[in-house]
Amino acid sequence: MSLPNKITAKVSSESAGYVSMSPVTKLIMTPPELIELILGLTGKDPVRIQEILTHGTFVSGQSRYRWSPLNTTEKELIDLLDRFPDIQPGRPFEASLCYLVTFRGRRGNVHLPREVAEVRRWFKKISYWDALLEILENTEPRYQTYSYSKHSDVYSTDLSLEMSHALLSKSALLKYTSLVEQLHHTEPIAADAFVKR
């Protein structure tokens, strides 16, 4: 059975407590739009995707999606999946296309978007983003996966104590003191770089 051209999904919040009533909204999607949401959870796993389509529900972030059970042929599903990028382990890290770095630390994570980190402080010739990418490039980040939810290739690097200290010492280049405080509190031990294709 082929998928319909339009799929009506009910969307509710998973963060709402069991006592409170979570508002439910309706969302009309095309099959590729629904598949893209599911890919963020499953990757290109046709068996799992078919199970979710048939089950008619899944959770993405803070939202639960529900729809009438759907059945599709193997060929139709493969054709849909071919529209989306594949994981490419041999893909080199391109710093110029990086738009987000997430620091993983002993006390949580800090997300650092490019547009925030590349803002220069007065009288500074470089931004924190410039210093950050220079340090990351020297570590030769390892390819991890493709994030369908972020439309990005993900590269990771472990941070030695020396590199972590270098990143923290350069944090004075950040315009926003709250971010500087977050970085120092987190004590980063690794970093994930998100790169657009």
C-alpha atoms as a PDB file:
ATOM      1  CA  MET A   1       0.000   0.000   0.000  1.00  0.00           C
ATOM      2  CA  SER A   2       1.353   3.424  -0.943  1.00  0.00           C
ATOM      3  CA  LEU A   3       1.649   6.302   1.477  1.00  0.00           C
ATOM      4  CA  PRO A   4      -0.902   9.125   1.107  1.00  0.00           C
ATOM      5  CA  ASN A   5       0.235  12.466  -0.295  1.00  0.00           C
ATOM      6  CA  LYS A   6      -0.693  14.187   2.969  1.00  0.00           C
ATOM      7  CA  ILE A   7      -0.492  12.802   6.496  1.00  0.00           C
ATOM      8  CA  THR A   8      -2.343  14.374   9.423  1.00  0.00           C
ATOM      9  CA  ALA A   9      -0.453  14.028  12.681  1.00  0.00           C
ATOM     10  CA  LYS A  10      -1.541  15.042  16.167  1.00  0.00           C
ATOM     11  CA  VAL A  11       1.266  16.677  18.120  1.00  0.00           C
ATOM     12  CA  SER A  12       1.317  16.894  21.921  1.00  0.00           C
ATOM     13  CA  SER A  13       3.931  17.842  24.494  1.00  0.00           C
ATOM     14  CA  GLU A  14       5.767  15.064  26.309  1.00  0.00           C
ATOM     15  CA  SER A  15       6.967  17.485  28.977  1.00  0.00           C
ATOM     16  CA  ALA A  16       3.494  18.093  30.386  1.00  0.00           C
ATOM     17  CA  GLY A  17       2.745  16.404  33.704  1.00  0.00           C
ATOM     18  CA  TYR A  18       0.182  13.609  33.820  1.00  0.00           C
ATOM     19  CA  VAL A  19      -2.215  15.822  35.779  1.00  0.00           C
ATOM     20  CA  SER A  20      -2.123  18.802  33.413  1.00  0.00           C
ATOM     21  CA  MET A  21      -3.805  18.768  30.036  1.00  0.00           C
ATOM     22  CA  SER A  22      -1.315  19.079  27.202  1.00  0.00           C
ATOM     23  CA  PRO A  23      -2.617  21.003  24.162  1.00  0.00           C
ATOM     24  CA  VAL A  24      -2.883  18.919  21.002  1.00  0.00           C
ATOM     25  CA  THR A  25      -2.289  20.465  17.605  1.00  0.00           C
ATOM     26  CA  LYS A  26      -2.750  19.033  14.138  1.00  0.00           C
ATOM     27  CA  LEU A  27       0.074  19.050  11.634  1.00  0.00           C
ATOM     28  CA  ILE A  28      -0.320  18.137   7.976  1.00  0.00           C
ATOM     29  CA  MET A  29       2.869  16.691   6.509  1.00  0.00           C
ATOM     30  CA  THR A  30       4.057  15.057   3.322  1.00  0.00           C
ATOM     31  CA  PRO A  31       5.647  11.582   3.584  1.00  0.00           C
ATOM     32  CA  PRO A  32       9.201  13.016   3.160  1.00  0.00           C
ATOM     33  CA  GLU A  33       8.572  15.493   6.000  1.00  0.00           C
ATOM     34  CA  LEU A  34       7.426  12.725   8.340  1.00  0.00           C
ATOM     35  CA  ILE A  35      10.303  10.459   7.313  1.00  0.00           C
ATOM     36  CA  GLU A  36      12.782  13.259   8.016  1.00  0.00           C
ATOM     37  CA  LEU A  37      11.469  13.586  11.575  1.00  0.00           C
ATOM     38  CA  ILE A  38      11.730   9.833  12.109  1.00  0.00           C
ATOM     39  CA  LEU A  39      15.261   9.723  10.669  1.00  0.00           C
ATOM     40  CA  GLY A  40      16.403  11.908  13.553  1.00  0.00           C
ATOM     41  CA  LEU A  41      15.543   8.989  15.834  1.00  0.00           C
ATOM     42  CA  THR A  42      16.332   5.922  13.719  1.00  0.00           C
ATOM     43  CA  GLY A  43      18.842   6.867  11.053  1.00  0.00           C
ATOM     44  CA  LYS A  44      18.405   5.044   7.735  1.00  0.00           C
ATOM     45  CA  ASP A  45      16.986   1.851   9.213  1.00  0.00           C
ATOM     46  CA  PRO A  46      14.075   0.784   6.945  1.00  0.00           C
ATOM     47  CA  VAL A  47      12.841  -1.893   9.363  1.00  0.00           C
ATOM     48  CA  ARG A  48      12.576   0.499  12.329  1.00  0.00           C
ATOM     49  CA  ILE A  49      11.048   3.225  10.179  1.00  0.00           C
ATOM     50  CA  GLN A  50       8.390   0.824   8.870  1.00  0.00           C
ATOM     51  CA  GLU A  51       7.622  -0.256  12.442  1.00  0.00           C
ATOM     52  CA  ILE A  52       7.119   3.369  13.500  1.00  0.00           C
ATOM     53  CA  LEU A  53       4.947   4.151  10.465  1.00  0.00           C
ATOM     54  CA  THR A  54       2.786   1.113  11.227  1.00  0.00           C
ATOM     55  CA  HIS A  55       2.647   1.855  14.954  1.00  0.00           C
ATOM     56  CA  GLY A  56       1.563   5.426  14.251  1.00  0.00           C
ATOM     57  CA  THR A  57       3.486   7.239  16.970  1.00  0.00           C
ATOM     58  CA  PHE A  58       6.948   8.377  18.036  1.00  0.00           C
ATOM     59  CA  VAL A  59       8.603  11.010  20.214  1.00  0.00           C
ATOM     60  CA  SER A  60      10.948  13.700  18.912  1.00  0.00           C
ATOM     61  CA  GLY A  61      12.429  16.023  21.523  1.00  0.00           C
ATOM     62  CA  GLN A  62       9.568  17.292  23.694  1.00  0.00           C
ATOM     63  CA  SER A  63       6.841  16.371  21.182  1.00  0.00           C
ATOM     64  CA  ARG A  64       4.870  13.192  20.569  1.00  0.00           C
ATOM     65  CA  TYR A  65       3.495  12.634  17.071  1.00  0.00           C
ATOM     66  CA  ARG A  66       0.479  10.403  16.397  1.00  0.00           C
ATOM     67  CA  TRP A  67      -1.149   9.448  13.094  1.00  0.00           C
ATOM     68  CA  SER A  68      -3.285   6.687  11.625  1.00  0.00           C
ATOM     69  CA  PRO A  69      -1.166   3.548  11.013  1.00  0.00           C
ATOM     70  CA  LEU A  70       0.624   3.677   7.668  1.00  0.00           C
ATOM     71  CA  ASN A  71       1.838   0.880   5.432  1.00  0.00           C
ATOM     72  CA  THR A  72       4.268   1.221   2.567  1.00  0.00           C
ATOM     73  CA  THR A  73       6.115  -0.997   0.147  1.00  0.00           C
ATOM     74  CA  GLU A  74       9.819  -1.658   0.596  1.00  0.00           C
ATOM     75  CA  LYS A  75      10.566   0.049  -2.731  1.00  0.00           C
ATOM     76  CA  GLU A  76       8.583   3.170  -1.822  1.00  0.00           C
ATOM     77  CA  LEU A  77      10.378   3.454   1.506  1.00  0.00           C
ATOM     78  CA  ILE A  78      13.818   2.951  -0.070  1.00  0.00           C
ATOM     79  CA  ASP A  79      13.005   5.590  -2.704  1.00  0.00           C
ATOM     80  CA  LEU A  80      12.048   8.019   0.072  1.00  0.00           C
ATOM     81  CA  LEU A  81      15.226   7.306   2.028  1.00  0.00           C
ATOM     82  CA  ASP A  82      17.355   7.881  -1.076  1.00  0.00           C
ATOM     83  CA  ARG A  83      16.318  11.549  -0.929  1.00  0.00           C
ATOM     84  CA  PHE A  84      18.276  12.031   2.287  1.00  0.00           C
ATOM     85  CA  PRO A  85      22.057  12.183   2.815  1.00  0.00           C
ATOM     86  CA  ASP A  86      24.028   9.102   3.822  1.00  0.00           C
ATOM     87  CA  ILE A  87      26.583   8.852   6.598  1.00  0.00           C
ATOM     88  CA  GLN A  88      30.045   9.453   5.081  1.00  0.00           C
ATOM     89  CA  PRO A  89      32.814   8.382   7.506  1.00  0.00           C
ATOM     90  CA  GLY A  90      35.537   9.488   5.075  1.00  0.00           C
ATOM     91  CA  ARG A  91      34.220  13.018   4.751  1.00  0.00           C
ATOM     92  CA  PRO A  92      36.893  15.542   5.841  1.00  0.00           C
ATOM     93  CA  PHE A  93      36.202  18.204   8.442  1.00  0.00           C
ATOM     94  CA  GLU A  94      35.522  21.585   6.806  1.00  0.00           C
ATOM     95  CA  ALA A  95      35.893  24.299   9.414  1.00  0.00           C
ATOM     96  CA  SER A  96      34.404  26.985   7.163  1.00  0.00           C
ATOM     97  CA  LEU A  97      31.075  25.109   7.102  1.00  0.00           C
ATOM     98  CA  CYS A  98      30.922  24.535  10.858  1.00  0.00           C
ATOM     99  CA  TYR A  99      28.068  26.470  12.472  1.00  0.00           C
ATOM    100  CA  LEU A 100      27.762  24.953  15.959  1.00  0.00           C
ATOM    101  CA  VAL A 101      30.088  23.451  18.562  1.00  0.00           C
ATOM    102  CA  THR A 102      28.801  21.608  21.607  1.00  0.00           C
ATOM    103  CA  PHE A 103      31.200  21.241  24.512  1.00  0.00           C
ATOM    104  CA  ARG A 104      30.700  18.141  26.625  1.00  0.00           C
ATOM    105  CA  GLY A 105      32.010  18.546  30.129  1.00  0.00           C
ATOM    106  CA  ARG A 106      32.103  17.065  33.590  1.00  0.00           C
ATOM    107  CA  ARG A 107      29.229  19.311  34.629  1.00  0.00           C
ATOM    108  CA  GLY A 108      26.996  19.349  31.575  1.00  0.00           C
ATOM    109  CA  ASN A 109      27.061  20.661  28.019  1.00  0.00           C
ATOM    110  CA  VAL A 110      27.415  24.089  26.453  1.00  0.00           C
ATOM    111  CA  HIS A 111      26.083  24.818  22.948  1.00  0.00           C
ATOM    112  CA  LEU A 112      28.001  27.521  21.117  1.00  0.00           C
ATOM    113  CA  PRO A 113      26.481  28.763  17.823  1.00  0.00           C
ATOM    114  CA  ARG A 114      28.807  30.394  15.332  1.00  0.00           C
ATOM    115  CA  GLU A 115      26.824  33.642  15.198  1.00  0.00           C
ATOM    116  CA  VAL A 116      27.334  34.075  18.940  1.00  0.00           C
ATOM    117  CA  ALA A 117      30.983  33.036  19.156  1.00  0.00           C
ATOM    118  CA  GLU A 118      32.178  35.034  16.151  1.00  0.00           C
ATOM    119  CA  VAL A 119      31.087  38.396  17.639  1.00  0.00           C
ATOM    120  CA  ARG A 120      34.302  40.231  18.497  1.00  0.00           C
ATOM    121  CA  ARG A 121      34.891  42.209  21.637  1.00  0.00           C
ATOM    122  CA  TRP A 122      36.039  45.788  21.175  1.00  0.00           C
ATOM    123  CA  PHE A 123      39.687  46.181  20.193  1.00  0.00           C
ATOM    124  CA  LYS A 124      40.108  42.420  19.610  1.00  0.00           C
ATOM    125  CA  LYS A 125      41.469  41.306  16.237  1.00  0.00           C
ATOM    126  CA  ILE A 126      39.998  37.817  16.393  1.00  0.00           C
ATOM    127  CA  SER A 127      36.829  36.259  17.770  1.00  0.00           C
ATOM    128  CA  TYR A 128      36.472  33.267  20.053  1.00  0.00           C
ATOM    129  CA  TRP A 129      35.145  31.348  17.051  1.00  0.00           C
ATOM    130  CA  ASP A 130      38.416  31.947  15.184  1.00  0.00           C
ATOM    131  CA  ALA A 131      40.452  30.692  18.135  1.00  0.00           C
ATOM    132  CA  LEU A 132      38.130  27.735  18.705  1.00  0.00           C
ATOM    133  CA  LEU A 133      38.291  26.480  15.115  1.00  0.00           C
ATOM    134  CA  GLU A 134      42.070  26.802  15.054  1.00  0.00           C
ATOM    135  CA  ILE A 135      42.306  24.590  18.135  1.00  0.00           C
ATOM    136  CA  LEU A 136      39.759  22.087  16.787  1.00  0.00           C
ATOM    137  CA  GLU A 137      41.464  21.798  13.398  1.00  0.00           C
ATOM    138  CA  ASN A 138      44.728  20.918  15.127  1.00  0.00           C
ATOM    139  CA  THR A 139      42.989  18.006  16.878  1.00  0.00           C
ATOM    140  CA  GLU A 140      41.779  16.501  13.567  1.00  0.00           C
ATOM    141  CA  PRO A 141      38.134  15.926  14.613  1.00  0.00           C
ATOM    142  CA  ARG A 142      36.786  12.413  13.970  1.00  0.00           C
ATOM    143  CA  TYR A 143      33.690  11.882  11.840  1.00  0.00           C
ATOM    144  CA  GLN A 144      30.858  10.497  13.978  1.00  0.00           C
ATOM    145  CA  THR A 145      27.587  10.522  12.073  1.00  0.00           C
ATOM    146  CA  TYR A 146      25.075  12.535  10.079  1.00  0.00           C
ATOM    147  CA  SER A 147      22.425  14.287  12.173  1.00  0.00           C
ATOM    148  CA  TYR A 148      19.134  14.260  10.272  1.00  0.00           C
ATOM    149  CA  SER A 149      17.511  16.505  12.856  1.00  0.00           C
ATOM    150  CA  LYS A 150      20.212  19.171  12.388  1.00  0.00           C
ATOM    151  CA  HIS A 151      20.956  18.469   8.701  1.00  0.00           C
ATOM    152  CA  SER A 152      24.630  18.265   9.559  1.00  0.00           C
ATOM    153  CA  ASP A 153      27.653  16.008   9.680  1.00  0.00           C
ATOM    154  CA  VAL A 154      28.938  15.617  13.233  1.00  0.00           C
ATOM    155  CA  TYR A 155      32.628  15.505  14.144  1.00  0.00           C
ATOM    156  CA  SER A 156      33.998  14.858  17.626  1.00  0.00           C
ATOM    157  CA  THR A 157      37.273  15.428  19.401  1.00  0.00           C
ATOM    158  CA  ASP A 158      38.496  14.595  22.881  1.00  0.00           C
ATOM    159  CA  LEU A 159      40.086  17.538  24.633  1.00  0.00           C
ATOM    160  CA  SER A 160      43.324  17.047  26.507  1.00  0.00           C
ATOM    161  CA  LEU A 161      43.841  19.033  29.689  1.00  0.00           C
ATOM    162  CA  GLU A 162      46.113  21.361  27.736  1.00  0.00           C
ATOM    163  CA  MET A 163      43.515  21.944  25.002  1.00  0.00           C
ATOM    164  CA  SER A 164      40.756  22.467  27.555  1.00  0.00           C
ATOM    165  CA  HIS A 165      42.862  25.090  29.326  1.00  0.00           C
ATOM    166  CA  ALA A 166      43.592  26.773  25.986  1.00  0.00           C
ATOM    167  CA  LEU A 167      39.874  26.947  25.160  1.00  0.00           C
ATOM    168  CA  LEU A 168      39.067  28.365  28.573  1.00  0.00           C
ATOM    169  CA  SER A 169      41.863  30.918  28.434  1.00  0.00           C
ATOM    170  CA  LYS A 170      40.579  32.115  25.047  1.00  0.00           C
ATOM    171  CA  SER A 171      37.022  32.416  26.391  1.00  0.00           C
ATOM    172  CA  ALA A 172      37.762  36.028  27.364  1.00  0.00           C
ATOM    173  CA  LEU A 173      37.265  36.739  23.653  1.00  0.00           C
ATOM    174  CA  LEU A 174      33.558  35.943  24.028  1.00  0.00           C
ATOM    175  CA  LYS A 175      31.344  38.999  24.191  1.00  0.00           C
ATOM    176  CA  TYR A 176      28.863  37.419  26.584  1.00  0.00           C
ATOM    177  CA  THR A 177      30.143  36.885  30.127  1.00  0.00           C
ATOM    178  CA  SER A 178      27.377  34.369  30.862  1.00  0.00           C
ATOM    179  CA  LEU A 179      28.868  32.046  28.234  1.00  0.00           C
ATOM    180  CA  VAL A 180      32.334  32.473  29.694  1.00  0.00           C
ATOM    181  CA  GLU A 181      30.977  31.436  33.087  1.00  0.00           C
ATOM    182  CA  GLN A 182      29.154  28.442  31.586  1.00  0.00           C
ATOM    183  CA  LEU A 183      32.301  27.219  29.843  1.00  0.00           C
ATOM    184  CA  HIS A 184      34.400  27.435  33.000  1.00  0.00           C
ATOM    185  CA  HIS A 185      31.700  25.718  35.054  1.00  0.00           C
ATOM    186  CA  THR A 186      31.317  22.892  32.521  1.00  0.00           C
ATOM    187  CA  GLU A 187      35.032  21.968  32.421  1.00  0.00           C
ATOM    188  CA  PRO A 188      34.926  20.683  28.812  1.00  0.00           C
ATOM    189  CA  ILE A 189      36.509  17.319  28.050  1.00  0.00           C
ATOM    190  CA  ALA A 190      35.198  16.849  24.486  1.00  0.00           C
ATOM    191  CA  ALA A 191      33.643  18.833  21.657  1.00  0.00           C
ATOM    192  CA  ASP A 192      31.177  18.022  18.876  1.00  0.00           C
ATOM    193  CA  ALA A 193      31.298  20.151  15.731  1.00  0.00           C
ATOM    194  CA  PHE A 194      28.245  20.357  13.441  1.00  0.00           C
ATOM    195  CA  VAL A 195      28.991  20.980   9.767  1.00  0.00           C
ATOM    196  CA  LYS A 196      26.496  21.775   7.007  1.00  0.00           C
ATOM    197  CA  ARG A 197      26.903  20.030   3.664  1.00  0.00           C
END
